[in-house]
Amino acid sequence: MFVNRGDNGDQNDNNDIIPQILALRAERAKLFGYPTHAHWKLSNKMAKTPDKAMDLLLAVWKPAVARVKEEVADMQAIANSEKLGIKIEPWDYRYYAEKVRKAKYDLDESQIKPYLDLEKMREGMFWMAGQLFDLKFDQINDVPKFHPDVRVWKVTKGSTGALVGLWYFDPYAREGKRSGAWMTAYREQSKNNGDVKTLVSNNSNFLKGKANEPVLISLDDANTLFHEFGHALHGLCSNVTYPKLSGTNVATDYVEFPSQILERWLLTPEILNRFAVHYQTKQPIPKELVQK
C-alpha cells in the first residue's frame, strides 16, 4: 500500500505528472549542454559521470551479494535447526540476524542498552564537538520553542566565546511528527546581509520516559544520533558568504561526509569510557561487551 500510494487512480495518483517531470528534466539538461539529466546532476559530484557512478555501484554489487548469501546461509542454518520448515525471506532477516548474533557472539542488544542513556550520549556529542571543533554548548531558556519537549543550547567558540549559533534538540516522538531522525537548519549561516548565525536542530523519535527515568537507546540509534549531529556540526561550522552554499547546501555526496565521520567517534574509548555508563551502577561499559 505504501509503495503504490501514488498509483491508485485517485487524487494522489502521479502517473500523469511523472512523464512531465522526466521531460522537463531532459529539457533542462539539454539547455545546460548535457546529454541527459543524469549527466547534469553528476557534474558537480565526485563520480562526475553516469558511467563512473555505475562502475562504482557494480564494483560494490558483487561482493555485497556474496556477503548477503553468507549471512542468509547462517540464518538458514538456524531456521533449519528449528525444524519449522522456514525458508529465509527478506522479512525474516532482522529476526534471524539477531539469532545469529546471539549464537556467534553471545551478544544480545538488550545487554548494550543499559549503557546508552540518551542524555549521556548527548553529553558525549557535546564533549566530542568541544575536543574536535572548540565548540561549547550552554542550555538556554529565553528563546521561542515550538513544543515543550524541545530544548535549546547556545553554541559558542570555547576559546573566544564568540557566538556560533543555536542548537535545538527535539528527541521525542509525538502525534503528527514525522518518523525517523534528521537534521534541520531553521536558518542558514551567511555574511552577505550582515553576520547571520545559524539555527540548527537534531530531531528523533524516542519514546519519552517518566520523570527522572532515563531513555535507553540501541547501539544503532546511538550511531544515528552521532550521524545526525555530524550534519548539525556541518551547519554550525559553516563559514561562507552566501546562504545558498551554507551548511549542508553542498554537493549531495559531500553532505554525508561529516556525518559519516562523526558516527565513527561513538565507539572510540574516549567516548565509551566517559559516557557509555550503566544507568544504575554508573560503571562504564565493559571492554568484553565492546569487543563482542
Protein backbone atom coordinates (compact mmCIF):
# COMPACT_ATOMS: atom_id res chain seq x y z
CA MET A 1 0.00 0.00 0.00
CA PHE A 2 2.82 2.40 0.86
CA VAL A 3 4.82 1.69 -2.30
CA ASN A 4 1.74 2.03 -4.50
CA ARG A 5 0.24 5.09 -2.79
CA GLY A 6 0.61 7.21 -5.97
CA ASP A 7 -0.79 4.56 -8.32
CA ASN A 8 -4.43 4.18 -7.34
CA GLY A 9 -6.28 6.42 -9.82
CA ASP A 10 -7.33 8.84 -7.07
CA GLN A 11 -6.45 12.45 -6.24
CA ASN A 12 -2.95 11.36 -5.22
CA ASP A 13 -2.22 9.46 -8.44
CA ASN A 14 1.01 10.66 -10.07
CA ASN A 15 1.10 8.62 -13.30
CA ASP A 16 0.47 11.73 -15.42
CA ILE A 17 2.91 14.04 -13.70
CA ILE A 18 5.91 11.67 -13.72
CA PRO A 19 6.40 11.82 -17.53
CA GLN A 20 6.10 15.62 -17.33
CA ILE A 21 8.84 15.74 -14.70
CA LEU A 22 11.11 13.47 -16.76
CA ALA A 23 10.54 15.52 -19.94
CA LEU A 24 11.30 18.79 -18.14
CA ARG A 25 14.43 17.31 -16.59
CA ALA A 26 15.66 16.19 -20.01
CA GLU A 27 14.89 19.60 -21.50
CA ARG A 28 16.72 21.42 -18.69
CA ALA A 29 19.80 19.20 -19.09
CA LYS A 30 20.00 19.95 -22.81
CA LEU A 31 19.63 23.70 -22.14
CA PHE A 32 22.65 23.42 -19.84
CA GLY A 33 24.57 21.49 -22.51
CA TYR A 34 24.37 17.99 -21.00
CA PRO A 35 23.13 14.90 -22.90
CA THR A 36 20.89 13.69 -20.05
CA HIS A 37 19.57 14.72 -16.66
CA ALA A 38 21.95 12.19 -15.06
CA HIS A 39 24.97 13.87 -16.68
CA TRP A 40 23.86 17.26 -15.35
CA LYS A 41 23.13 16.00 -11.81
CA LEU A 42 26.51 14.27 -11.52
CA SER A 43 28.57 17.13 -12.96
CA ASN A 44 29.46 18.53 -9.52
CA LYS A 45 29.63 15.19 -7.73
CA MET A 46 32.70 13.04 -7.12
CA ALA A 47 31.63 10.44 -9.70
CA LYS A 48 31.28 13.15 -12.39
CA THR A 49 29.58 10.91 -14.99
CA PRO A 50 26.79 8.27 -15.06
CA ASP A 51 29.26 5.66 -16.35
CA LYS A 52 31.60 6.15 -13.38
CA ALA A 53 28.65 6.05 -10.98
CA MET A 54 27.52 2.73 -12.45
CA ASP A 55 31.07 1.37 -12.31
CA LEU A 56 31.17 2.15 -8.59
CA LEU A 57 27.78 0.53 -7.96
CA LEU A 58 28.71 -2.60 -9.90
CA ALA A 59 32.07 -2.86 -8.11
CA VAL A 60 30.20 -2.92 -4.80
CA TRP A 61 27.34 -5.13 -6.04
CA LYS A 62 29.13 -8.48 -6.46
CA PRO A 63 30.86 -8.54 -3.05
CA ALA A 64 27.66 -7.26 -1.43
CA VAL A 65 25.58 -10.07 -2.94
CA ALA A 66 28.21 -12.62 -1.92
CA ARG A 67 28.13 -11.32 1.66
CA VAL A 68 24.33 -11.44 1.79
CA LYS A 69 24.43 -15.08 0.67
CA GLU A 70 26.85 -15.88 3.51
CA GLU A 71 24.62 -14.16 6.05
CA VAL A 72 21.43 -15.82 4.75
CA ALA A 73 23.18 -19.20 4.93
CA ASP A 74 23.93 -18.55 8.62
CA MET A 75 20.28 -17.63 9.16
CA GLN A 76 19.01 -20.63 7.22
CA ALA A 77 21.14 -22.98 9.32
CA ILE A 78 19.42 -21.72 12.47
CA ALA A 79 15.99 -21.90 10.81
CA ASN A 80 16.71 -25.49 9.76
CA SER A 81 17.67 -26.42 13.31
CA GLU A 82 14.25 -25.21 14.48
CA LYS A 83 12.57 -27.65 12.05
CA LEU A 84 9.68 -25.32 11.28
CA GLY A 85 10.03 -25.55 7.51
CA ILE A 86 11.07 -21.90 7.18
CA LYS A 87 12.98 -20.71 4.11
CA ILE A 88 14.57 -17.36 4.91
CA GLU A 89 12.86 -14.45 3.15
CA PRO A 90 13.79 -10.74 3.34
CA TRP A 91 11.19 -10.12 6.06
CA ASP A 92 12.92 -12.75 8.21
CA TYR A 93 16.33 -11.04 8.11
CA ARG A 94 16.20 -8.92 11.27
CA TYR A 95 14.67 -11.64 13.41
CA TYR A 96 17.14 -14.30 12.37
CA ALA A 97 20.12 -11.90 12.24
CA GLU A 98 19.57 -11.37 15.97
CA LYS A 99 19.58 -15.16 16.49
CA VAL A 100 22.85 -15.44 14.53
CA ARG A 101 24.37 -12.62 16.60
CA LYS A 102 23.39 -14.43 19.79
CA ALA A 103 24.74 -17.78 18.53
CA LYS A 104 28.01 -16.46 17.07
CA TYR A 105 28.94 -13.74 19.54
CA ASP A 106 26.70 -14.38 22.56
CA LEU A 107 25.53 -10.79 22.08
CA ASP A 108 22.04 -9.55 22.81
CA GLU A 109 21.07 -5.93 22.03
CA SER A 110 19.43 -5.71 25.45
CA GLN A 111 22.89 -6.10 27.02
CA ILE A 112 24.05 -2.85 25.43
CA LYS A 113 21.04 -0.58 26.05
CA PRO A 114 21.60 -0.06 29.81
CA TYR A 115 24.86 1.72 28.92
CA LEU A 116 23.36 4.02 26.29
CA ASP A 117 21.40 6.71 28.11
CA LEU A 118 20.13 9.31 25.63
CA GLU A 119 21.23 12.24 27.81
CA LYS A 120 24.69 10.77 28.35
CA MET A 121 25.03 10.26 24.61
CA ARG A 122 24.11 13.91 24.07
CA GLU A 123 26.74 14.94 26.60
CA GLY A 124 29.22 12.76 24.73
CA MET A 125 28.42 14.54 21.47
CA PHE A 126 28.98 17.91 23.12
CA TRP A 127 32.30 16.78 24.59
CA MET A 128 33.39 15.48 21.20
CA ALA A 129 32.44 18.76 19.50
CA GLY A 130 34.49 20.62 22.08
CA GLN A 131 37.54 18.42 21.55
CA LEU A 132 37.39 18.47 17.76
CA PHE A 133 35.96 21.89 16.90
CA ASP A 134 36.36 24.06 20.03
CA LEU A 135 32.56 24.33 20.39
CA LYS A 136 30.86 24.95 23.73
CA PHE A 137 27.15 24.23 24.40
CA ASP A 138 25.17 26.11 27.07
CA GLN A 139 21.46 25.40 27.51
CA ILE A 140 19.21 28.47 27.33
CA ASN A 141 15.52 29.01 28.08
CA ASP A 142 14.82 32.50 26.74
CA VAL A 143 14.11 31.66 23.09
CA PRO A 144 10.82 30.63 21.41
CA LYS A 145 10.21 26.89 21.05
CA PHE A 146 7.56 25.08 19.03
CA HIS A 147 7.00 22.35 21.64
CA PRO A 148 7.71 21.98 25.37
CA ASP A 149 9.90 18.90 24.73
CA VAL A 150 12.32 20.94 22.61
CA ARG A 151 15.47 22.21 24.33
CA VAL A 152 17.90 24.81 23.03
CA TRP A 153 21.63 25.33 23.50
CA LYS A 154 23.70 28.40 22.66
CA VAL A 155 26.82 27.34 20.80
CA THR A 156 30.00 29.40 21.14
CA LYS A 157 33.69 29.05 20.39
CA GLY A 158 35.20 27.75 23.58
CA SER A 159 38.45 29.68 23.22
CA THR A 160 36.94 33.08 22.34
CA GLY A 161 33.32 32.95 23.49
CA ALA A 162 32.17 34.09 20.03
CA LEU A 163 28.60 33.10 19.17
CA VAL A 164 28.34 30.35 16.56
CA GLY A 165 24.60 29.66 16.54
CA LEU A 166 21.81 27.82 18.34
CA TRP A 167 21.26 24.05 18.50
CA TYR A 168 17.71 22.74 19.03
CA PHE A 169 17.12 19.20 20.30
CA ASP A 170 13.73 17.60 19.62
CA PRO A 171 14.25 13.96 20.64
CA TYR A 172 10.82 12.53 21.49
CA ALA A 173 8.04 11.00 19.41
CA ARG A 174 4.63 12.70 19.38
CA GLU A 175 1.47 12.67 17.31
CA GLY A 176 1.88 14.43 13.97
CA LYS A 177 5.68 14.30 13.98
CA ARG A 178 7.33 12.56 11.03
CA SER A 179 9.16 9.32 11.76
CA GLY A 180 12.89 8.72 11.82
CA ALA A 181 15.79 11.01 12.70
CA TRP A 182 17.06 14.05 10.84
CA MET A 183 18.87 17.39 11.00
CA THR A 184 17.22 20.66 10.02
CA ALA A 185 18.51 24.21 9.60
CA TYR A 186 15.85 26.76 10.54
CA ARG A 187 18.24 29.50 9.42
CA GLU A 188 21.47 29.20 7.44
CA GLN A 189 24.72 30.93 8.34
CA SER A 190 25.64 33.73 5.91
CA LYS A 191 27.52 37.05 5.62
CA ASN A 192 26.09 38.73 2.52
CA ASN A 193 23.44 40.59 4.53
CA GLY A 194 25.08 41.01 7.90
CA ASP A 195 26.67 38.35 10.08
CA VAL A 196 23.81 35.82 10.31
CA LYS A 197 24.26 32.91 12.73
CA THR A 198 22.73 29.53 12.04
CA LEU A 199 19.84 27.85 13.86
CA VAL A 200 20.11 24.06 13.54
CA SER A 201 18.24 21.17 15.11
CA ASN A 202 18.52 17.44 15.59
CA ASN A 203 15.24 15.54 15.66
CA SER A 204 14.49 11.97 16.71
CA ASN A 205 11.53 9.81 17.76
CA PHE A 206 12.49 8.20 21.05
CA LEU A 207 9.73 7.21 23.46
CA LYS A 208 9.74 9.66 26.33
CA GLY A 209 10.19 8.10 29.75
CA LYS A 210 8.59 9.10 33.02
CA ALA A 211 10.02 11.98 35.02
CA ASN A 212 13.63 11.29 36.03
CA GLU A 213 13.54 8.00 34.10
CA PRO A 214 16.44 7.51 31.63
CA VAL A 215 15.71 6.94 27.95
CA LEU A 216 17.84 3.95 26.97
CA ILE A 217 18.59 3.62 23.27
CA SER A 218 20.02 0.94 21.00
CA LEU A 219 23.53 0.99 19.55
CA ASP A 220 22.02 1.64 16.12
CA ASP A 221 20.05 4.60 17.46
CA ALA A 222 23.13 5.98 19.21
CA ASN A 223 25.02 5.69 15.93
CA THR A 224 22.22 7.57 14.16
CA LEU A 225 22.30 10.24 16.87
CA PHE A 226 26.01 10.87 16.26
CA HIS A 227 25.46 10.74 12.49
CA GLU A 228 22.76 13.41 12.53
CA PHE A 229 24.80 15.51 14.95
CA GLY A 230 27.52 15.45 12.28
CA HIS A 231 25.07 17.20 9.94
CA ALA A 232 24.33 19.76 12.67
CA LEU A 233 28.05 20.40 13.15
CA HIS A 234 28.34 20.88 9.38
CA GLY A 235 25.87 23.73 9.77
CA LEU A 236 27.45 25.12 12.94
CA CYS A 237 30.95 25.10 11.44
CA SER A 238 29.79 26.80 8.23
CA ASN A 239 31.70 29.99 7.40
CA VAL A 240 30.58 31.23 4.00
CA THR A 241 29.19 34.41 2.46
CA TYR A 242 26.09 33.14 0.68
CA PRO A 243 23.28 31.06 2.27
CA LYS A 244 22.96 29.09 -0.98
CA LEU A 245 26.30 27.42 -0.11
CA SER A 246 25.86 27.37 3.67
CA GLY A 247 25.94 24.31 5.89
CA THR A 248 24.58 21.21 4.20
CA ASN A 249 23.74 23.08 0.95
CA VAL A 250 26.64 21.38 -0.79
CA ALA A 251 27.06 18.55 -3.31
CA THR A 252 24.99 15.55 -2.24
CA ASP A 253 27.88 13.16 -1.67
CA TYR A 254 29.73 15.73 0.44
CA VAL A 255 26.65 16.28 2.65
CA GLU A 256 27.20 12.81 4.10
CA PHE A 257 30.95 13.17 4.65
CA PRO A 258 30.90 14.99 8.03
CA SER A 259 28.09 12.81 9.39
CA GLN A 260 29.73 9.53 8.42
CA ILE A 261 33.00 10.67 10.01
CA LEU A 262 31.24 11.77 13.22
CA GLU A 263 29.37 8.49 13.74
CA ARG A 264 32.72 6.68 13.94
CA TRP A 265 33.56 8.53 17.14
CA LEU A 266 30.79 6.74 19.05
CA LEU A 267 32.76 3.51 19.52
CA THR A 268 36.06 5.15 20.48
CA PRO A 269 37.36 4.52 24.03
CA GLU A 270 37.34 8.28 24.62
CA ILE A 271 33.54 8.37 24.23
CA LEU A 272 32.61 4.96 25.62
CA ASN A 273 34.71 5.20 28.80
CA ARG A 274 33.28 8.60 29.68
CA PHE A 275 29.67 8.42 28.55
CA ALA A 276 28.60 4.78 27.97
CA VAL A 277 27.96 4.12 31.65
CA HIS A 278 25.33 1.85 33.18
CA TYR A 279 22.30 3.92 34.14
CA GLN A 280 22.10 2.22 37.56
CA THR A 281 25.64 1.21 38.56
CA LYS A 282 27.34 4.15 36.77
CA GLN A 283 30.07 1.74 35.66
CA PRO A 284 31.48 2.16 32.13
CA ILE A 285 30.59 -0.41 29.50
CA PRO A 286 32.85 -3.48 29.92
CA LYS A 287 35.61 -3.95 27.36
CA GLU A 288 34.42 -7.52 26.79
CA LEU A 289 30.99 -6.28 25.71
CA VAL A 290 32.54 -3.68 23.40
CA GLN A 291 34.70 -6.39 21.84
CA LYS A 292 31.65 -8.58 21.19
